[in-house]
Amino acid sequence: MSRRGNCQDNAVAESFFQLLKRERIKQRIYPTREAAKSDVFDYIEMFYNPRRRHGTSDDVSPVEYERR
């Protein structure tokens, strides 16, 4: 189960990183590593967790799911 591409191994993590790359990283050119780290942090904390709805959590954001 630890081989690359095994859909039962890390499906949630693989899905997250695919979205991160598609929606954020590949659309920008970062001048420094710090700028990239800051932008990824903002994506996760300001958009992905509080606003983006997830099918695996009854179509609510992770923050809303935790509140319930």
Protein backbone atom coordinates (compact mmCIF):
# COMPACT_ATOMS: atom_id res chain seq x y z
CA MET A 1 0.00 0.00 0.00
CA SER A 2 2.94 2.37 0.07
CA ARG A 3 3.60 2.38 -3.67
CA ARG A 4 2.96 5.46 -5.72
CA GLY A 5 -0.44 5.60 -7.38
CA ASN A 6 -2.13 3.12 -5.06
CA CYS A 7 -5.58 4.67 -4.74
CA GLN A 8 -6.25 3.11 -1.34
CA ASP A 9 -3.09 4.41 0.26
CA ASN A 10 -3.43 8.19 0.44
CA ALA A 11 -6.40 9.12 -1.70
CA VAL A 12 -7.32 12.15 0.41
CA ALA A 13 -3.77 13.51 0.51
CA GLU A 14 -3.23 12.87 -3.19
CA SER A 15 -6.47 14.67 -3.97
CA PHE A 16 -5.49 17.66 -1.82
CA PHE A 17 -2.05 18.04 -3.40
CA GLN A 18 -3.51 17.69 -6.89
CA LEU A 19 -5.95 20.52 -6.13
CA LEU A 20 -3.22 22.64 -4.56
CA LYS A 21 -1.05 22.30 -7.64
CA ARG A 22 -3.89 22.90 -10.09
CA GLU A 23 -5.58 25.81 -8.31
CA ARG A 24 -2.59 27.64 -6.88
CA ILE A 25 0.97 26.61 -7.58
CA LYS A 26 0.89 26.14 -11.36
CA GLN A 27 -0.79 29.50 -11.89
CA ARG A 28 2.01 31.53 -10.27
CA ILE A 29 5.73 32.08 -10.41
CA TYR A 30 7.24 32.66 -6.98
CA PRO A 31 10.31 34.88 -6.62
CA THR A 32 11.47 33.17 -3.41
CA ARG A 33 10.83 30.03 -1.40
CA GLU A 34 9.38 32.17 1.40
CA ALA A 35 6.86 33.71 -0.99
CA ALA A 36 5.79 30.22 -2.07
CA LYS A 37 5.45 29.02 1.52
CA SER A 38 3.41 32.06 2.47
CA ASP A 39 1.11 31.66 -0.53
CA VAL A 40 0.51 27.97 0.14
CA PHE A 41 -0.21 28.74 3.80
CA ASP A 42 -2.71 31.42 2.77
CA TYR A 43 -4.39 29.01 0.34
CA ILE A 44 -4.82 26.36 3.03
CA GLU A 45 -5.82 28.60 5.94
CA MET A 46 -7.78 31.29 4.11
CA PHE A 47 -9.55 29.33 1.38
CA TYR A 48 -9.24 25.56 1.57
CA ASN A 49 -10.17 24.99 5.21
CA PRO A 50 -12.81 27.67 5.87
CA ARG A 51 -14.57 27.92 2.49
CA ARG A 52 -13.97 25.02 0.11
CA ARG A 53 -16.70 22.38 0.37
CA HIS A 54 -15.71 18.70 0.41
CA GLY A 55 -17.75 15.77 -0.83
CA THR A 56 -16.36 13.44 1.84
CA SER A 57 -17.65 15.69 4.63
CA ASP A 58 -21.29 16.15 3.59
CA ASP A 59 -20.43 19.04 1.22
CA VAL A 60 -19.35 21.41 3.98
CA SER A 61 -15.96 23.01 4.61
CA PRO A 62 -13.55 21.34 7.06
CA VAL A 63 -14.06 24.18 9.56
CA GLU A 64 -17.85 23.79 9.43
CA TYR A 65 -17.52 20.00 9.69
CA GLU A 66 -15.43 20.38 12.85
CA ARG A 67 -18.01 22.76 14.36
CA ARG A 68 -20.73 20.16 13.97
